[in-house]
Amino acid sequence: REFLKNGSVAINGEKIAGDDAVNRVLQTEDLLHGNTILLRRGKKAWFASRWL
C-alpha cells in the first residue's frame, strides 16, 4: 500500500497513485496484446504477467 500511495507502481508504463490505487482492480483494458500486463515497482523491479 505504501508503494501505491507514493506513486512508485506502474501498470503497463502508466503510474497509479493515491488512495484509489489501493482499491484498483485489473481489467481487460489493462492487457497488452490481449494477454500480458507489465507491473513495475520503482525503477528496477519489473514483473510480466501473462493471462490466458
N, C-alpha and C. Protein backbone atom coordinates (compact mmCIF):
# COMPACT_ATOMS: atom_id res chain seq x y z
N ARG A 1 0.82 -1.20 0.00
CA ARG A 1 0.00 0.00 0.00
C ARG A 1 0.85 1.25 0.00
N GLU A 2 1.97 1.19 0.68
CA GLU A 2 2.85 2.35 0.73
C GLU A 2 3.37 2.70 -0.66
N PHE A 3 3.75 1.69 -1.44
CA PHE A 3 4.25 1.94 -2.79
C PHE A 3 3.15 2.53 -3.67
N LEU A 4 1.92 2.04 -3.52
CA LEU A 4 0.82 2.57 -4.32
C LEU A 4 0.53 4.02 -3.98
N LYS A 5 0.52 4.34 -2.70
CA LYS A 5 0.23 5.71 -2.28
C LYS A 5 1.33 6.68 -2.69
N ASN A 6 2.58 6.19 -2.76
CA ASN A 6 3.70 7.05 -3.15
C ASN A 6 3.84 7.21 -4.65
N GLY A 7 3.08 6.45 -5.42
CA GLY A 7 3.15 6.57 -6.87
C GLY A 7 4.32 5.84 -7.49
N SER A 8 4.87 4.85 -6.81
CA SER A 8 6.02 4.13 -7.36
C SER A 8 5.61 2.85 -8.07
N VAL A 9 4.32 2.67 -8.34
CA VAL A 9 3.83 1.50 -9.05
C VAL A 9 3.27 1.94 -10.39
N ALA A 10 3.58 1.17 -11.44
CA ALA A 10 3.06 1.47 -12.77
C ALA A 10 2.50 0.19 -13.38
N ILE A 11 1.42 0.33 -14.10
CA ILE A 11 0.83 -0.77 -14.85
C ILE A 11 0.96 -0.42 -16.32
N ASN A 12 1.71 -1.23 -17.06
CA ASN A 12 1.96 -1.00 -18.49
C ASN A 12 2.54 0.39 -18.74
N GLY A 13 3.40 0.85 -17.85
CA GLY A 13 4.06 2.13 -18.02
C GLY A 13 3.27 3.33 -17.51
N GLU A 14 2.05 3.12 -17.06
CA GLU A 14 1.21 4.21 -16.55
C GLU A 14 1.21 4.19 -15.03
N LYS A 15 1.70 5.26 -14.43
CA LYS A 15 1.76 5.32 -12.97
C LYS A 15 0.37 5.37 -12.37
N ILE A 16 0.22 4.66 -11.26
CA ILE A 16 -1.02 4.73 -10.50
C ILE A 16 -0.65 5.17 -9.10
N ALA A 17 -1.44 6.07 -8.54
CA ALA A 17 -1.11 6.63 -7.23
C ALA A 17 -2.37 7.06 -6.51
N GLY A 18 -2.21 7.33 -5.24
CA GLY A 18 -3.31 7.86 -4.45
C GLY A 18 -4.12 6.77 -3.78
N ASP A 19 -5.14 7.18 -3.07
CA ASP A 19 -5.99 6.24 -2.35
C ASP A 19 -6.78 5.34 -3.29
N ASP A 20 -7.10 5.81 -4.49
CA ASP A 20 -7.84 4.98 -5.44
C ASP A 20 -6.99 3.82 -5.94
N ALA A 21 -5.68 3.96 -5.96
CA ALA A 21 -4.80 2.91 -6.45
C ALA A 21 -4.85 1.67 -5.56
N VAL A 22 -5.08 1.86 -4.28
CA VAL A 22 -5.11 0.73 -3.35
C VAL A 22 -6.29 -0.20 -3.67
N ASN A 23 -7.39 0.36 -4.09
CA ASN A 23 -8.60 -0.43 -4.38
C ASN A 23 -8.77 -0.73 -5.86
N ARG A 24 -7.77 -0.41 -6.69
CA ARG A 24 -7.88 -0.61 -8.13
C ARG A 24 -7.91 -2.09 -8.49
N VAL A 25 -8.78 -2.46 -9.42
CA VAL A 25 -8.90 -3.84 -9.89
C VAL A 25 -8.43 -3.88 -11.33
N LEU A 26 -7.57 -4.85 -11.66
CA LEU A 26 -7.12 -5.01 -13.04
C LEU A 26 -8.28 -5.44 -13.91
N GLN A 27 -8.35 -4.87 -15.12
CA GLN A 27 -9.44 -5.17 -16.03
C GLN A 27 -8.88 -5.57 -17.38
N THR A 28 -9.74 -6.02 -18.27
CA THR A 28 -9.29 -6.47 -19.59
C THR A 28 -8.68 -5.32 -20.38
N GLU A 29 -9.03 -4.09 -20.09
CA GLU A 29 -8.44 -2.94 -20.79
C GLU A 29 -6.97 -2.77 -20.44
N ASP A 30 -6.53 -3.35 -19.33
CA ASP A 30 -5.13 -3.25 -18.90
C ASP A 30 -4.22 -4.22 -19.64
N LEU A 31 -4.78 -5.18 -20.37
CA LEU A 31 -3.98 -6.19 -21.05
C LEU A 31 -3.29 -5.63 -22.28
N LEU A 32 -2.00 -5.95 -22.44
CA LEU A 32 -1.26 -5.61 -23.65
C LEU A 32 -1.34 -6.81 -24.59
N HIS A 33 -1.65 -6.58 -25.84
CA HIS A 33 -1.76 -7.64 -26.84
C HIS A 33 -2.75 -8.72 -26.40
N GLY A 34 -3.70 -8.36 -25.57
CA GLY A 34 -4.75 -9.27 -25.17
C GLY A 34 -4.42 -10.28 -24.09
N ASN A 35 -3.14 -10.33 -23.62
CA ASN A 35 -2.84 -11.36 -22.63
C ASN A 35 -1.71 -11.03 -21.66
N THR A 36 -1.14 -9.85 -21.67
CA THR A 36 0.02 -9.55 -20.82
C THR A 36 -0.17 -8.24 -20.08
N ILE A 37 0.28 -8.22 -18.83
CA ILE A 37 0.30 -7.00 -18.03
C ILE A 37 1.71 -6.81 -17.51
N LEU A 38 2.26 -5.62 -17.66
CA LEU A 38 3.58 -5.29 -17.12
C LEU A 38 3.40 -4.46 -15.86
N LEU A 39 3.94 -4.96 -14.76
CA LEU A 39 3.88 -4.24 -13.49
C LEU A 39 5.28 -3.78 -13.14
N ARG A 40 5.38 -2.56 -12.63
CA ARG A 40 6.68 -2.02 -12.23
C ARG A 40 6.55 -1.38 -10.86
N ARG A 41 7.53 -1.68 -10.00
CA ARG A 41 7.60 -1.05 -8.68
C ARG A 41 8.96 -0.40 -8.57
N GLY A 42 8.98 0.91 -8.53
CA GLY A 42 10.23 1.64 -8.51
C GLY A 42 10.84 1.69 -9.91
N LYS A 43 12.18 1.75 -9.96
CA LYS A 43 12.85 1.85 -11.25
C LYS A 43 13.29 0.50 -11.80
N LYS A 44 13.58 -0.45 -10.92
CA LYS A 44 14.22 -1.68 -11.37
C LYS A 44 13.37 -2.94 -11.24
N ALA A 45 12.36 -2.93 -10.43
CA ALA A 45 11.57 -4.14 -10.19
C ALA A 45 10.43 -4.24 -11.20
N TRP A 46 10.57 -5.12 -12.19
CA TRP A 46 9.57 -5.34 -13.23
C TRP A 46 9.00 -6.74 -13.10
N PHE A 47 7.74 -6.92 -13.46
CA PHE A 47 7.11 -8.23 -13.48
C PHE A 47 6.15 -8.27 -14.65
N ALA A 48 6.28 -9.31 -15.48
CA ALA A 48 5.36 -9.50 -16.60
C ALA A 48 4.43 -10.65 -16.25
N SER A 49 3.14 -10.43 -16.40
CA SER A 49 2.14 -11.44 -16.08
C SER A 49 1.35 -11.77 -17.33
N ARG A 50 1.30 -13.04 -17.69
CA ARG A 50 0.55 -13.47 -18.87
C ARG A 50 -0.78 -14.06 -18.42
N TRP A 51 -1.85 -13.57 -19.00
CA TRP A 51 -3.20 -14.02 -18.66
C TRP A 51 -3.74 -14.84 -19.82
N LEU A 52 -4.32 -15.96 -19.49
CA LEU A 52 -4.87 -16.84 -20.53
C LEU A 52 -6.35 -16.65 -20.70
